[in-house]
Amino acid sequence: MTDEQKAAFVMGQVACMLARIESMKAANIMRQDQGHAIAYDEAAFENLEREFLVGHNAVIEFFRG
């Protein structure tokens, strides 16, 4: 995979992660509006970085490897 292809992959992962974040935020707002506890806490949002491999170290390793 070329560096350009790797960069495109990383950007795709970022786009998917942002879509997930927005859906998680919407779910939390809906639950709050209904008087329920939120579905996603801070840890759930932090775990997305690892799930989509877009953390700083993961991206560095992806380009090195």
Protein backbone atom coordinates (compact mmCIF):
# COMPACT_ATOMS: atom_id res chain seq x y z
CA MET A 1 0.00 0.00 0.00
CA THR A 2 1.39 3.41 -0.95
CA ASP A 3 1.55 6.31 1.48
CA GLU A 4 -1.31 7.95 -0.40
CA GLN A 5 -3.43 4.83 -0.02
CA LYS A 6 -2.57 4.65 3.66
CA ALA A 7 -3.56 8.29 4.11
CA ALA A 8 -6.85 7.64 2.31
CA PHE A 9 -7.51 4.67 4.59
CA VAL A 10 -6.82 6.73 7.71
CA MET A 11 -9.13 9.50 6.47
CA GLY A 12 -11.84 6.91 5.80
CA GLN A 13 -11.44 5.60 9.33
CA VAL A 14 -11.71 9.15 10.69
CA ALA A 15 -14.92 9.72 8.71
CA CYS A 16 -16.42 6.49 10.05
CA MET A 17 -15.39 7.39 13.59
CA LEU A 18 -16.97 10.84 13.29
CA ALA A 19 -20.21 9.30 12.04
CA ARG A 20 -20.22 6.95 15.03
CA ILE A 21 -19.53 9.86 17.42
CA GLU A 22 -22.46 11.82 16.04
CA SER A 23 -24.80 8.83 16.37
CA MET A 24 -23.62 8.25 19.95
CA LYS A 25 -24.19 11.92 20.80
CA ALA A 26 -27.67 11.78 19.28
CA ALA A 27 -28.51 8.65 21.26
CA ASN A 28 -27.37 10.34 24.46
CA ILE A 29 -29.49 13.42 23.76
CA MET A 30 -32.55 11.32 22.95
CA ARG A 31 -32.14 9.31 26.16
CA GLN A 32 -31.71 12.46 28.24
CA ASP A 33 -34.81 13.98 26.66
CA GLN A 34 -36.73 10.85 27.67
CA GLY A 35 -35.42 11.06 31.23
CA HIS A 36 -33.10 8.05 30.94
CA ALA A 37 -29.42 7.72 31.73
CA ILE A 38 -27.06 8.33 28.85
CA ALA A 39 -26.10 5.31 26.76
CA TYR A 40 -22.49 6.33 26.10
CA ASP A 41 -20.11 7.66 28.72
CA GLU A 42 -16.72 9.31 28.28
CA ALA A 43 -14.93 5.96 28.15
CA ALA A 44 -17.11 4.83 25.23
CA PHE A 45 -16.03 7.88 23.24
CA GLU A 46 -12.37 7.38 24.16
CA ASN A 47 -12.48 3.74 23.02
CA LEU A 48 -13.41 4.78 19.48
CA GLU A 49 -9.85 5.93 18.86
CA ARG A 50 -8.64 2.35 19.31
CA GLU A 51 -11.57 0.80 17.47
CA PHE A 52 -10.93 2.86 14.35
CA LEU A 53 -7.12 2.86 14.68
CA VAL A 54 -6.84 6.64 14.47
CA GLY A 55 -4.91 7.33 17.65
CA HIS A 56 -1.56 9.05 17.20
CA ASN A 57 0.55 5.96 17.89
CA ALA A 58 -1.66 3.70 15.78
CA VAL A 59 -1.35 5.99 12.76
CA ILE A 60 2.43 6.30 13.18
CA GLU A 61 2.77 2.52 13.34
CA PHE A 62 0.47 2.10 10.35
CA PHE A 63 2.70 4.32 8.23
CA ARG A 64 5.91 2.69 9.49
CA GLY A 65 4.69 -0.86 9.01
